[in-house]
Structure formats: C-alpha cells, structure tokens
PDB file of N, CA and C in Angstrom:
ATOM      1  N   UNK A   1     -30.630 -32.664  14.615  1.00  0.00           N
ATOM      2  CA  UNK A   1     -30.127 -32.120  13.353  1.00  0.00           C
ATOM      3  C   UNK A   1     -28.760 -32.776  13.080  1.00  0.00           C
ATOM      4  N   UNK A   2     -28.569 -33.154  11.861  1.00  0.00           N
ATOM      5  CA  UNK A   2     -27.293 -33.779  11.515  1.00  0.00           C
ATOM      6  C   UNK A   2     -26.179 -32.729  11.338  1.00  0.00           C
ATOM      7  N   UNK A   3     -24.929 -33.136  11.536  1.00  0.00           N
ATOM      8  CA  UNK A   3     -23.828 -32.186  11.354  1.00  0.00           C
ATOM      9  C   UNK A   3     -23.815 -31.537   9.966  1.00  0.00           C
ATOM     10  N   UNK A   4     -24.140 -32.340   8.978  1.00  0.00           N
ATOM     11  CA  UNK A   4     -24.178 -31.839   7.586  1.00  0.00           C
ATOM     12  C   UNK A   4     -25.240 -30.751   7.424  1.00  0.00           C
ATOM     13  N   UNK A   5     -26.427 -31.026   7.972  1.00  0.00           N
ATOM     14  CA  UNK A   5     -27.524 -30.051   7.873  1.00  0.00           C
ATOM     15  C   UNK A   5     -27.203 -28.783   8.687  1.00  0.00           C
ATOM     16  N   UNK A   6     -26.604 -28.934   9.840  1.00  0.00           N
ATOM     17  CA  UNK A   6     -26.228 -27.809  10.648  1.00  0.00           C
ATOM     18  C   UNK A   6     -25.222 -26.942   9.880  1.00  0.00           C
ATOM     19  N   UNK A   7     -24.192 -27.538   9.265  1.00  0.00           N
ATOM     20  CA  UNK A   7     -23.192 -26.802   8.506  1.00  0.00           C
ATOM     21  C   UNK A   7     -23.858 -26.059   7.353  1.00  0.00           C
ATOM     22  N   UNK A   8     -24.782 -26.708   6.672  1.00  0.00           N
ATOM     23  CA  UNK A   8     -25.472 -26.112   5.545  1.00  0.00           C
ATOM     24  C   UNK A   8     -26.259 -24.888   6.004  1.00  0.00           C
ATOM     25  N   UNK A   9     -27.014 -25.023   7.101  1.00  0.00           N
ATOM     26  CA  UNK A   9     -27.814 -23.913   7.612  1.00  0.00           C
ATOM     27  C   UNK A   9     -26.943 -22.777   8.163  1.00  0.00           C
ATOM     28  N   UNK A  10     -25.885 -23.165   8.851  1.00  0.00           N
ATOM     29  CA  UNK A  10     -24.962 -22.163   9.392  1.00  0.00           C
ATOM     30  C   UNK A  10     -24.347 -21.338   8.258  1.00  0.00           C
ATOM     31  N   UNK A  11     -23.927 -22.033   7.203  1.00  0.00           N
ATOM     32  CA  UNK A  11     -23.308 -21.343   6.092  1.00  0.00           C
ATOM     33  C   UNK A  11     -24.308 -20.419   5.387  1.00  0.00           C
ATOM     34  N   UNK A  12     -25.549 -20.841   5.322  1.00  0.00           N
ATOM     35  CA  UNK A  12     -26.583 -19.989   4.725  1.00  0.00           C
ATOM     36  C   UNK A  12     -26.821 -18.719   5.549  1.00  0.00           C
ATOM     37  N   UNK A  13     -26.737 -18.871   6.855  1.00  0.00           N
ATOM     38  CA  UNK A  13     -26.995 -17.749   7.775  1.00  0.00           C
ATOM     39  C   UNK A  13     -25.807 -16.811   7.888  1.00  0.00           C
ATOM     40  N   UNK A  14     -24.584 -17.354   7.969  1.00  0.00           N
ATOM     41  CA  UNK A  14     -23.407 -16.548   8.256  1.00  0.00           C
ATOM     42  C   UNK A  14     -22.451 -16.412   7.087  1.00  0.00           C
ATOM     43  N   UNK A  15     -22.694 -17.110   6.012  1.00  0.00           N
ATOM     44  CA  UNK A  15     -21.827 -16.961   4.822  1.00  0.00           C
ATOM     45  C   UNK A  15     -20.543 -17.736   4.858  1.00  0.00           C
ATOM     46  N   UNK A  16     -20.334 -18.534   5.897  1.00  0.00           N
ATOM     47  CA  UNK A  16     -19.126 -19.354   5.975  1.00  0.00           C
ATOM     48  C   UNK A  16     -19.435 -20.555   6.861  1.00  0.00           C
ATOM     49  N   UNK A  17     -18.592 -21.562   6.720  1.00  0.00           N
ATOM     50  CA  UNK A  17     -18.725 -22.806   7.486  1.00  0.00           C
ATOM     51  C   UNK A  17     -18.430 -22.525   8.965  1.00  0.00           C
ATOM     52  N   UNK A  18     -18.956 -23.310   9.885  1.00  0.00           N
ATOM     53  CA  UNK A  18     -18.706 -23.079  11.331  1.00  0.00           C
ATOM     54  C   UNK A  18     -17.218 -23.039  11.671  1.00  0.00           C
ATOM     55  N   UNK A  19     -16.430 -23.914  11.103  1.00  0.00           N
ATOM     56  CA  UNK A  19     -14.980 -23.933  11.419  1.00  0.00           C
ATOM     57  C   UNK A  19     -14.320 -22.644  10.956  1.00  0.00           C
ATOM     58  N   UNK A  20     -14.695 -22.163   9.822  1.00  0.00           N
ATOM     59  CA  UNK A  20     -14.113 -20.927   9.286  1.00  0.00           C
ATOM     60  C   UNK A  20     -14.544 -19.729  10.150  1.00  0.00           C
ATOM     61  N   UNK A  21     -15.787 -19.757  10.574  1.00  0.00           N
ATOM     62  CA  UNK A  21     -16.327 -18.683  11.427  1.00  0.00           C
ATOM     63  C   UNK A  21     -15.538 -18.634  12.747  1.00  0.00           C
ATOM     64  N   UNK A  22     -15.339 -19.806  13.353  1.00  0.00           N
ATOM     65  CA  UNK A  22     -14.582 -19.867  14.629  1.00  0.00           C
ATOM     66  C   UNK A  22     -13.157 -19.409  14.424  1.00  0.00           C
ATOM     67  N   UNK A  23     -12.528 -19.840  13.354  1.00  0.00           N
ATOM     68  CA  UNK A  23     -11.147 -19.420  13.053  1.00  0.00           C
ATOM     69  C   UNK A  23     -11.054 -17.896  12.908  1.00  0.00           C
ATOM     70  N   UNK A  24     -12.007 -17.288  12.231  1.00  0.00           N
ATOM     71  CA  UNK A  24     -12.041 -15.835  12.066  1.00  0.00           C
ATOM     72  C   UNK A  24     -12.158 -15.129  13.399  1.00  0.00           C
ATOM     73  N   UNK A  25     -13.025 -15.645  14.274  1.00  0.00           N
ATOM     74  CA  UNK A  25     -13.222 -15.006  15.595  1.00  0.00           C
ATOM     75  C   UNK A  25     -11.974 -15.144  16.437  1.00  0.00           C
ATOM     76  N   UNK A  26     -11.306 -16.314  16.367  1.00  0.00           N
ATOM     77  CA  UNK A  26     -10.092 -16.514  17.145  1.00  0.00           C
ATOM     78  C   UNK A  26      -8.967 -15.575  16.669  1.00  0.00           C
ATOM     79  N   UNK A  27      -8.826 -15.405  15.395  1.00  0.00           N
ATOM     80  CA  UNK A  27      -7.790 -14.525  14.855  1.00  0.00           C
ATOM     81  C   UNK A  27      -8.134 -13.053  15.180  1.00  0.00           C
ATOM     82  N   UNK A  28      -9.401 -12.692  15.118  1.00  0.00           N
ATOM     83  CA  UNK A  28      -9.793 -11.313  15.483  1.00  0.00           C
ATOM     84  C   UNK A  28      -9.436 -11.025  16.948  1.00  0.00           C
ATOM     85  N   UNK A  29      -9.709 -11.972  17.823  1.00  0.00           N
ATOM     86  CA  UNK A  29      -9.354 -11.795  19.233  1.00  0.00           C
ATOM     87  C   UNK A  29      -7.838 -11.747  19.415  1.00  0.00           C
ATOM     88  N   UNK A  30      -7.111 -12.595  18.651  1.00  0.00           N
ATOM     89  CA  UNK A  30      -5.673 -12.567  18.728  1.00  0.00           C
ATOM     90  C   UNK A  30      -5.089 -11.243  18.307  1.00  0.00           C
ATOM     91  N   UNK A  31      -5.667 -10.615  17.267  1.00  0.00           N
ATOM     92  CA  UNK A  31      -5.214  -9.309  16.837  1.00  0.00           C
ATOM     93  C   UNK A  31      -5.387  -8.290  17.980  1.00  0.00           C
ATOM     94  N   UNK A  32      -6.489  -8.366  18.671  1.00  0.00           N
ATOM     95  CA  UNK A  32      -6.742  -7.456  19.787  1.00  0.00           C
ATOM     96  C   UNK A  32      -5.711  -7.701  20.887  1.00  0.00           C
ATOM     97  N   UNK A  33      -5.419  -8.937  21.173  1.00  0.00           N
ATOM     98  CA  UNK A  33      -4.461  -9.266  22.234  1.00  0.00           C
ATOM     99  C   UNK A  33      -3.038  -8.946  21.872  1.00  0.00           C
ATOM    100  N   UNK A  34      -2.695  -8.999  20.577  1.00  0.00           N
ATOM    101  CA  UNK A  34      -1.351  -8.642  20.119  1.00  0.00           C
ATOM    102  C   UNK A  34      -1.091  -7.151  20.285  1.00  0.00           C
ATOM    103  N   UNK A  35      -2.121  -6.354  20.385  1.00  0.00           N
ATOM    104  CA  UNK A  35      -1.967  -4.912  20.560  1.00  0.00           C
ATOM    105  C   UNK A  35      -1.505  -4.551  21.989  1.00  0.00           C
ATOM    106  N   UNK A  36      -1.635  -5.467  22.909  1.00  0.00           N
ATOM    107  CA  UNK A  36      -1.227  -5.247  24.289  1.00  0.00           C
ATOM    108  C   UNK A  36       0.232  -5.634  24.458  1.00  0.00           C
ATOM    109  N   UNK A  37       1.105  -4.658  24.760  1.00  0.00           N
ATOM    110  CA  UNK A  37       2.525  -4.920  24.792  1.00  0.00           C
ATOM    111  C   UNK A  37       3.006  -6.060  25.739  1.00  0.00           C
ATOM    112  N   UNK A  38       2.311  -6.276  26.838  1.00  0.00           N
ATOM    113  CA  UNK A  38       2.785  -7.299  27.794  1.00  0.00           C
ATOM    114  C   UNK A  38       2.512  -8.726  27.293  1.00  0.00           C
ATOM    115  N   UNK A  39       1.658  -8.910  26.279  1.00  0.00           N
ATOM    116  CA  UNK A  39       1.348 -10.233  25.763  1.00  0.00           C
ATOM    117  C   UNK A  39       2.367 -10.669  24.715  1.00  0.00           C
ATOM    118  N   UNK A  40       3.015 -11.818  24.961  1.00  0.00           N
ATOM    119  CA  UNK A  40       3.913 -12.342  23.925  1.00  0.00           C
ATOM    120  C   UNK A  40       3.114 -13.259  23.005  1.00  0.00           C
ATOM    121  N   UNK A  41       3.712 -13.561  21.855  1.00  0.00           N
ATOM    122  CA  UNK A  41       3.007 -14.320  20.812  1.00  0.00           C
ATOM    123  C   UNK A  41       2.634 -15.696  21.328  1.00  0.00           C
ATOM    124  N   UNK A  42       3.486 -16.368  22.069  1.00  0.00           N
ATOM    125  CA  UNK A  42       3.177 -17.685  22.615  1.00  0.00           C
ATOM    126  C   UNK A  42       1.933 -17.658  23.510  1.00  0.00           C
ATOM    127  N   UNK A  43       1.862 -16.650  24.381  1.00  0.00           N
ATOM    128  CA  UNK A  43       0.727 -16.591  25.281  1.00  0.00           C
ATOM    129  C   UNK A  43      -0.565 -16.224  24.558  1.00  0.00           C
ATOM    130  N   UNK A  44      -0.465 -15.385  23.524  1.00  0.00           N
ATOM    131  CA  UNK A  44      -1.645 -15.051  22.711  1.00  0.00           C
ATOM    132  C   UNK A  44      -2.124 -16.283  22.000  1.00  0.00           C
ATOM    133  N   UNK A  45      -1.207 -17.053  21.405  1.00  0.00           N
ATOM    134  CA  UNK A  45      -1.553 -18.274  20.698  1.00  0.00           C
ATOM    135  C   UNK A  45      -2.308 -19.240  21.629  1.00  0.00           C
ATOM    136  N   UNK A  46      -1.792 -19.467  22.817  1.00  0.00           N
ATOM    137  CA  UNK A  46      -2.433 -20.369  23.759  1.00  0.00           C
ATOM    138  C   UNK A  46      -3.776 -19.845  24.216  1.00  0.00           C
ATOM    139  N   UNK A  47      -3.844 -18.515  24.437  1.00  0.00           N
ATOM    140  CA  UNK A  47      -5.078 -17.956  25.007  1.00  0.00           C
ATOM    141  C   UNK A  47      -6.244 -17.964  24.015  1.00  0.00           C
ATOM    142  N   UNK A  48      -5.959 -18.045  22.730  1.00  0.00           N
ATOM    143  CA  UNK A  48      -7.061 -18.124  21.748  1.00  0.00           C
ATOM    144  C   UNK A  48      -7.254 -19.542  21.221  1.00  0.00           C
ATOM    145  N   UNK A  49      -6.559 -20.510  21.841  1.00  0.00           N
ATOM    146  CA  UNK A  49      -6.856 -21.890  21.593  1.00  0.00           C
ATOM    147  C   UNK A  49      -5.980 -22.633  20.624  1.00  0.00           C
ATOM    148  N   UNK A  50      -4.807 -22.103  20.265  1.00  0.00           N
ATOM    149  CA  UNK A  50      -3.890 -22.824  19.383  1.00  0.00           C
ATOM    150  C   UNK A  50      -2.945 -23.672  20.216  1.00  0.00           C
ATOM    151  N   UNK A  51      -2.621 -24.833  19.676  1.00  0.00           N
ATOM    152  CA  UNK A  51      -1.734 -25.753  20.396  1.00  0.00           C
ATOM    153  C   UNK A  51      -0.289 -25.325  20.376  1.00  0.00           C
ATOM    154  N   UNK A  52       0.090 -24.544  19.372  1.00  0.00           N
ATOM    155  CA  UNK A  52       1.459 -24.075  19.262  1.00  0.00           C
ATOM    156  C   UNK A  52       1.502 -22.692  18.646  1.00  0.00           C
ATOM    157  N   UNK A  53       2.572 -21.981  18.944  1.00  0.00           N
ATOM    158  CA  UNK A  53       2.758 -20.652  18.336  1.00  0.00           C
ATOM    159  C   UNK A  53       2.929 -20.757  16.832  1.00  0.00           C
ATOM    160  N   UNK A  54       3.538 -21.861  16.352  1.00  0.00           N
ATOM    161  CA  UNK A  54       3.734 -22.049  14.946  1.00  0.00           C
ATOM    162  C   UNK A  54       2.425 -22.204  14.212  1.00  0.00           C
ATOM    163  N   UNK A  55       1.523 -23.062  14.772  1.00  0.00           N
ATOM    164  CA  UNK A  55       0.205 -23.234  14.149  1.00  0.00           C
ATOM    165  C   UNK A  55      -0.566 -21.922  14.142  1.00  0.00           C
ATOM    166  N   UNK A  56      -0.465 -21.172  15.256  1.00  0.00           N
ATOM    167  CA  UNK A  56      -1.109 -19.868  15.326  1.00  0.00           C
ATOM    168  C   UNK A  56      -0.535 -18.922  14.278  1.00  0.00           C
ATOM    169  N   UNK A  57       0.747 -18.884  14.154  1.00  0.00           N
ATOM    170  CA  UNK A  57       1.404 -17.977  13.213  1.00  0.00           C
ATOM    171  C   UNK A  57       0.975 -18.265  11.780  1.00  0.00           C
ATOM    172  N   UNK A  58       0.873 -19.551  11.396  1.00  0.00           N
ATOM    173  CA  UNK A  58       0.418 -19.902  10.067  1.00  0.00           C
ATOM    174  C   UNK A  58      -1.016 -19.508   9.866  1.00  0.00           C
ATOM    175  N   UNK A  59      -1.887 -19.782  10.821  1.00  0.00           N
ATOM    176  CA  UNK A  59      -3.308 -19.397  10.689  1.00  0.00           C
ATOM    177  C   UNK A  59      -3.460 -17.882  10.652  1.00  0.00           C
ATOM    178  N   UNK A  60      -2.675 -17.186  11.431  1.00  0.00           N
ATOM    179  CA  UNK A  60      -2.740 -15.715  11.470  1.00  0.00           C
ATOM    180  C   UNK A  60      -2.347 -15.180  10.100  1.00  0.00           C
ATOM    181  N   UNK A  61      -1.299 -15.721   9.517  1.00  0.00           N
ATOM    182  CA  UNK A  61      -0.836 -15.284   8.222  1.00  0.00           C
ATOM    183  C   UNK A  61      -1.877 -15.539   7.131  1.00  0.00           C
ATOM    184  N   UNK A  62      -2.527 -16.691   7.178  1.00  0.00           N
ATOM    185  CA  UNK A  62      -3.598 -16.985   6.208  1.00  0.00           C
ATOM    186  C   UNK A  62      -4.723 -15.961   6.299  1.00  0.00           C
ATOM    187  N   UNK A  63      -5.084 -15.580   7.500  1.00  0.00           N
ATOM    188  CA  UNK A  63      -6.207 -14.675   7.736  1.00  0.00           C
ATOM    189  C   UNK A  63      -5.839 -13.205   7.514  1.00  0.00           C
ATOM    190  N   UNK A  64      -4.693 -12.779   8.039  1.00  0.00           N
ATOM    191  CA  UNK A  64      -4.342 -11.372   8.082  1.00  0.00           C
ATOM    192  C   UNK A  64      -3.391 -10.982   6.919  1.00  0.00           C
ATOM    193  N   UNK A  65      -2.587 -11.949   6.469  1.00  0.00           N
ATOM    194  CA  UNK A  65      -1.650 -11.651   5.383  1.00  0.00           C
ATOM    195  C   UNK A  65      -0.215 -11.436   5.801  1.00  0.00           C
ATOM    196  N   UNK A  66       0.031 -11.544   7.132  1.00  0.00           N
ATOM    197  CA  UNK A  66       1.406 -11.413   7.652  1.00  0.00           C
ATOM    198  C   UNK A  66       1.487 -12.179   8.952  1.00  0.00           C
ATOM    199  N   UNK A  67       2.710 -12.463   9.382  1.00  0.00           N
ATOM    200  CA  UNK A  67       2.944 -13.170  10.628  1.00  0.00           C
ATOM    201  C   UNK A  67       2.648 -12.221  11.819  1.00  0.00           C
ATOM    202  N   UNK A  68       2.333 -12.788  12.991  1.00  0.00           N
ATOM    203  CA  UNK A  68       2.062 -11.937  14.166  1.00  0.00           C
ATOM    204  C   UNK A  68       3.191 -10.977  14.499  1.00  0.00           C
ATOM    205  N   UNK A  69       4.433 -11.411  14.371  1.00  0.00           N
ATOM    206  CA  UNK A  69       5.563 -10.544  14.684  1.00  0.00           C
ATOM    207  C   UNK A  69       5.625  -9.349  13.718  1.00  0.00           C
ATOM    208  N   UNK A  70       5.320  -9.608  12.463  1.00  0.00           N
ATOM    209  CA  UNK A  70       5.287  -8.532  11.458  1.00  0.00           C
ATOM    210  C   UNK A  70       4.129  -7.599  11.730  1.00  0.00           C
ATOM    211  N   UNK A  71       2.979  -8.154  12.104  1.00  0.00           N
ATOM    212  CA  UNK A  71       1.806  -7.370  12.485  1.00  0.00           C
ATOM    213  C   UNK A  71       2.157  -6.386  13.589  1.00  0.00           C
ATOM    214  N   UNK A  72       2.814  -6.866  14.607  1.00  0.00           N
ATOM    215  CA  UNK A  72       3.231  -6.026  15.750  1.00  0.00           C
ATOM    216  C   UNK A  72       4.243  -4.986  15.287  1.00  0.00           C
ATOM    217  N   UNK A  73       5.218  -5.370  14.519  1.00  0.00           N
ATOM    218  CA  UNK A  73       6.251  -4.442  14.059  1.00  0.00           C
ATOM    219  C   UNK A  73       5.663  -3.299  13.244  1.00  0.00           C
ATOM    220  N   UNK A  74       4.711  -3.611  12.408  1.00  0.00           N
ATOM    221  CA  UNK A  74       4.065  -2.576  11.562  1.00  0.00           C
ATOM    222  C   UNK A  74       3.307  -1.590  12.418  1.00  0.00           C
ATOM    223  N   UNK A  75       2.856  -2.003  13.612  1.00  0.00           N
ATOM    224  CA  UNK A  75       2.130  -1.121  14.497  1.00  0.00           C
ATOM    225  C   UNK A  75       2.980  -0.505  15.564  1.00  0.00           C
ATOM    226  N   UNK A  76       4.280  -0.833  15.549  1.00  0.00           N
ATOM    227  CA  UNK A  76       5.192  -0.235  16.485  1.00  0.00           C
ATOM    228  C   UNK A  76       5.035  -0.727  17.925  1.00  0.00           C
ATOM    229  N   UNK A  77       4.528  -1.965  18.071  1.00  0.00           N
ATOM    230  CA  UNK A  77       4.290  -2.520  19.408  1.00  0.00           C
ATOM    231  C   UNK A  77       5.560  -3.250  19.836  1.00  0.00           C
ATOM    232  N   UNK A  78       6.036  -2.872  21.031  1.00  0.00           N
ATOM    233  CA  UNK A  78       7.217  -3.475  21.610  1.00  0.00           C
ATOM    234  C   UNK A  78       6.818  -4.169  22.889  1.00  0.00           C
ATOM    235  N   UNK A  79       7.338  -5.374  23.109  1.00  0.00           N
ATOM    236  CA  UNK A  79       7.018  -6.105  24.329  1.00  0.00           C
ATOM    237  C   UNK A  79       7.535  -5.352  25.540  1.00  0.00           C
ATOM    238  N   UNK A  80       6.790  -5.397  26.644  1.00  0.00           N
ATOM    239  CA  UNK A  80       7.193  -4.743  27.853  1.00  0.00           C
ATOM    240  C   UNK A  80       8.498  -5.302  28.406  1.00  0.00           C
ATOM    241  N   UNK A  81       8.811  -6.559  28.046  1.00  0.00           N
ATOM    242  CA  UNK A  81      10.073  -7.157  28.468  1.00  0.00           C
ATOM    243  C   UNK A  81      11.265  -6.358  27.975  1.00  0.00           C
ATOM    244  N   UNK A  82      11.115  -5.648  26.877  1.00  0.00           N
ATOM    245  CA  UNK A  82      12.194  -4.823  26.331  1.00  0.00           C
ATOM    246  C   UNK A  82      12.374  -3.544  27.111  1.00  0.00           C
ATOM    247  N   UNK A  83      11.335  -3.062  27.793  1.00  0.00           N
ATOM    248  CA  UNK A  83      11.400  -1.787  28.478  1.00  0.00           C
ATOM    249  C   UNK A  83      12.450  -1.738  29.601  1.00  0.00           C
ATOM    250  N   UNK A  84      12.554  -2.720  30.496  1.00  0.00           N
ATOM    251  CA  UNK A  84      13.566  -2.632  31.540  1.00  0.00           C
ATOM    252  C   UNK A  84      14.969  -2.496  30.972  1.00  0.00           C
ATOM    253  N   UNK A  85      15.248  -3.224  29.899  1.00  0.00           N
ATOM    254  CA  UNK A  85      16.549  -3.147  29.268  1.00  0.00           C
ATOM    255  C   UNK A  85      16.793  -1.727  28.755  1.00  0.00           C
ATOM    256  N   UNK A  86      15.784  -1.167  28.141  1.00  0.00           N
ATOM    257  CA  UNK A  86      15.912   0.199  27.614  1.00  0.00           C
ATOM    258  C   UNK A  86      16.116   1.185  28.757  1.00  0.00           C
ATOM    259  N   UNK A  87      15.387   1.032  29.856  1.00  0.00           N
ATOM    260  CA  UNK A  87      15.523   1.905  30.995  1.00  0.00           C
ATOM    261  C   UNK A  87      16.946   1.858  31.560  1.00  0.00           C
ATOM    262  N   UNK A  88      17.497   0.639  31.694  1.00  0.00           N
ATOM    263  CA  UNK A  88      18.837   0.507  32.243  1.00  0.00           C
ATOM    264  C   UNK A  88      19.869   1.129  31.324  1.00  0.00           C
ATOM    265  N   UNK A  89      19.654   1.012  30.007  1.00  0.00           N
ATOM    266  CA  UNK A  89      20.583   1.633  29.072  1.00  0.00           C
ATOM    267  C   UNK A  89      20.515   3.149  29.203  1.00  0.00           C
ATOM    268  N   UNK A  90      19.330   3.684  29.455  1.00  0.00           N
ATOM    269  CA  UNK A  90      19.208   5.117  29.630  1.00  0.00           C
ATOM    270  C   UNK A  90      19.813   5.588  30.944  1.00  0.00           C
ATOM    271  N   UNK A  91      19.822   4.739  31.940  1.00  0.00           N
ATOM    272  CA  UNK A  91      20.341   5.100  33.274  1.00  0.00           C
ATOM    273  C   UNK A  91      21.872   5.068  33.295  1.00  0.00           C
ATOM    274  N   UNK A  92      22.506   4.315  32.414  1.00  0.00           N
ATOM    275  CA  UNK A  92      23.962   4.172  32.451  1.00  0.00           C
ATOM    276  C   UNK A  92      24.685   5.533  32.383  1.00  0.00           C
ATOM    277  N   UNK A  93      24.303   6.445  31.484  1.00  0.00           N
ATOM    278  CA  UNK A  93      25.016   7.748  31.476  1.00  0.00           C
ATOM    279  C   UNK A  93      24.810   8.514  32.781  1.00  0.00           C
ATOM    280  N   UNK A  94      23.670   8.346  33.412  1.00  0.00           N
ATOM    281  CA  UNK A  94      23.390   9.035  34.672  1.00  0.00           C
ATOM    282  C   UNK A  94      24.287   8.472  35.783  1.00  0.00           C
ATOM    283  N   UNK A  95      24.455   7.152  35.790  1.00  0.00           N
ATOM    284  CA  UNK A  95      25.269   6.505  36.800  1.00  0.00           C
ATOM    285  C   UNK A  95      26.753   6.853  36.624  1.00  0.00           C
ATOM    286  N   UNK A  96      27.188   7.081  35.409  1.00  0.00           N
ATOM    287  CA  UNK A  96      28.587   7.393  35.142  1.00  0.00           C
ATOM    288  C   UNK A  96      28.977   8.732  35.744  1.00  0.00           C
ATOM    289  N   UNK A  97      28.007   9.641  35.890  1.00  0.00           N
ATOM    290  CA  UNK A  97      28.270  10.983  36.468  1.00  0.00           C
ATOM    291  C   UNK A  97      28.121  10.990  38.006  1.00  0.00           C
ATOM    292  N   UNK A  98      27.663   9.934  38.567  1.00  0.00           N
ATOM    293  CA  UNK A  98      27.406   9.898  40.022  1.00  0.00           C
ATOM    294  C   UNK A  98      28.658   9.717  40.814  1.00  0.00           C
TER     295      UNK A  98
END
C-alpha cells in the first residue's frame, strides 16, 4: 500500500491524518503525565517524544489552548521539588522555639 493510500484510508477510518492522530495521542498522554506532581515539563516533553520542551509547549498550546505551565497552574499542581522548601519554611518557627 502506498503512503498516500494509507493516509487516505486512515483518515476515512479515524477522521484525521496519521500524524494528527499521533500528535493528539501524545498530547493526551502528556496531559495525564502533567497531573503527576513529580514530573517536570522537560521530562514530560521527552517522555512523550518531543525533542525539546519548547516544541512540546507549542504543540500542547495548539492542542489544549494553553501552555503546559498554565495547564498545571489552573489545576493547582505544584512540583514536588517545591515541597521540601515549603516544609523547611514551616519548620523555621518550630526551630526558633527550640
């Protein structure tokens, strides 16, 4: 089967070209991975097959309508890297009384 014929049949079956279908699946998986606080945007981008976080961010914005960082902020997701800092800030008043 020729690539042109494959694309035509794929589009007839799935309603979109193969490249668009793959891009949609990659972004859907990226959305799922962005929900996990320990995953940073760079690692999510690499794990779903983007060469750079910038290319991922642009593709994510085309698909979802906002950048990955905005997507996380709207959902209140904070990176786990922030938690140790927050814990130490909370411990400072306790240490002052010791």
